[in-house]
Amino acid sequence: HSKNSELIIQELYGKLIMFNFCKTIVGGIAVKQQEYWKYEYKLNVKMAMCICREFWCSQTLAAPEVEKMLLNYLVPIRDNRTFPRDTVKKSAIAFNSRIA
């Protein structure tokens, strides 16, 4: 959202650091697979990003609370999906307009 080139780089580094922080948290949590589940499950990455951002900004959540919150959002791993996915074309937002 900035126009200064140094601030754009700072925003990119900030997003990269937040992504790496979240992937480290998600990678450290083991999902216990239940015998009666039809599929294997993994953590929902989108919700993990939201929860990690809340943890980073609020400073009121403790690490065990974050782990419990993340384990509430599981998605199944479905192999051999063959149907074509609907793609929505979005226009790219160029950074050049911000620098000029």
Protein backbone atom coordinates (compact mmCIF):
# COMPACT_ATOMS: atom_id res chain seq x y z
CA HIS A 1 0.00 0.00 0.00
CA SER A 2 3.01 2.28 0.02
CA LYS A 3 4.42 4.33 -2.79
CA ASN A 4 8.02 4.54 -1.60
CA SER A 5 10.17 1.74 -3.05
CA GLU A 6 11.90 1.03 0.29
CA LEU A 7 8.55 0.69 2.02
CA ILE A 8 7.32 -1.71 -0.68
CA ILE A 9 10.37 -3.89 -0.03
CA GLN A 10 9.68 -3.64 3.70
CA GLU A 11 6.09 -4.82 3.12
CA LEU A 12 7.31 -7.77 1.06
CA TYR A 13 9.81 -8.78 3.75
CA GLY A 14 7.10 -8.43 6.40
CA LYS A 15 4.77 -10.75 4.50
CA LEU A 16 7.61 -13.21 3.91
CA ILE A 17 8.53 -13.26 7.61
CA MET A 18 4.89 -13.76 8.60
CA PHE A 19 4.49 -16.61 6.09
CA ASN A 20 7.65 -18.35 7.36
CA PHE A 21 6.53 -17.87 10.97
CA CYS A 22 3.14 -19.41 10.22
CA LYS A 23 4.58 -22.34 8.25
CA THR A 24 6.98 -23.04 11.14
CA ILE A 25 4.08 -23.12 13.61
CA VAL A 26 1.97 -25.33 11.32
CA GLY A 27 4.92 -27.66 10.64
CA GLY A 28 5.49 -28.16 14.36
CA ILE A 29 1.95 -29.33 15.09
CA ALA A 30 1.22 -33.00 14.54
CA VAL A 31 -2.35 -33.94 13.62
CA LYS A 32 -3.36 -37.13 15.37
CA GLN A 33 -5.18 -39.28 12.82
CA GLN A 34 -8.23 -41.12 14.13
CA GLU A 35 -9.02 -44.68 13.03
CA TYR A 36 -12.64 -43.93 12.17
CA TRP A 37 -11.80 -41.05 9.81
CA LYS A 38 -12.28 -41.76 6.12
CA TYR A 39 -9.46 -39.44 5.04
CA GLU A 40 -6.23 -38.22 6.52
CA TYR A 41 -6.47 -34.65 7.75
CA LYS A 42 -4.13 -31.66 7.71
CA LEU A 43 -4.29 -28.14 9.13
CA ASN A 44 -6.16 -25.48 7.17
CA VAL A 45 -3.42 -23.09 6.06
CA LYS A 46 -5.72 -20.10 5.50
CA MET A 47 -7.10 -20.26 9.04
CA ALA A 48 -3.59 -20.92 10.36
CA MET A 49 -2.44 -17.65 8.77
CA CYS A 50 -5.31 -15.76 10.44
CA ILE A 51 -4.65 -17.33 13.85
CA CYS A 52 -0.87 -16.73 13.63
CA ARG A 53 -1.49 -13.09 12.65
CA GLU A 54 -3.79 -12.72 15.65
CA PHE A 55 -1.16 -14.35 17.89
CA TRP A 56 1.55 -12.06 16.52
CA CYS A 57 -0.47 -8.83 16.87
CA SER A 58 -2.49 -9.32 20.05
CA GLN A 59 0.14 -10.80 22.39
CA THR A 60 -2.73 -12.11 24.56
CA LEU A 61 -2.78 -15.66 23.20
CA ALA A 62 -0.44 -18.26 24.67
CA ALA A 63 1.25 -20.91 22.52
CA PRO A 64 -0.91 -23.82 23.83
CA GLU A 65 -4.06 -21.82 23.03
CA VAL A 66 -2.84 -21.26 19.48
CA GLU A 67 -2.20 -24.97 19.04
CA LYS A 68 -5.72 -25.81 20.26
CA MET A 69 -7.22 -23.21 17.95
CA LEU A 70 -5.29 -24.56 14.96
CA LEU A 71 -6.41 -28.13 15.64
CA ASN A 72 -10.04 -26.97 15.38
CA TYR A 73 -9.53 -26.23 11.68
CA LEU A 74 -8.67 -29.46 9.87
CA VAL A 75 -9.30 -30.24 6.21
CA PRO A 76 -9.28 -33.70 4.60
CA ILE A 77 -6.55 -34.76 2.19
CA ARG A 78 -8.42 -36.17 -0.78
CA ASP A 79 -6.18 -37.98 -3.26
CA ASN A 80 -6.97 -38.69 -6.91
CA ARG A 81 -9.24 -35.69 -7.49
CA THR A 82 -9.98 -35.65 -11.21
CA PHE A 83 -12.67 -33.02 -11.74
CA PRO A 84 -11.60 -29.77 -13.40
CA ARG A 85 -11.40 -26.86 -11.03
CA ASP A 86 -13.17 -23.61 -11.82
CA THR A 87 -10.63 -20.87 -12.20
CA VAL A 88 -11.48 -17.24 -11.73
CA LYS A 89 -9.30 -14.86 -13.67
CA LYS A 90 -8.12 -11.94 -11.59
CA SER A 91 -6.21 -9.00 -12.90
CA ALA A 92 -2.77 -8.47 -11.47
CA ILE A 93 -2.06 -5.41 -9.37
CA ALA A 94 1.25 -3.99 -10.49
CA PHE A 95 3.71 -2.42 -8.08
CA ASN A 96 4.88 -0.04 -10.82
CA SER A 97 1.94 2.27 -10.27
CA ARG A 98 2.97 2.73 -6.66
CA ILE A 99 6.58 3.57 -7.41
CA ALA A 100 5.92 6.21 -10.09
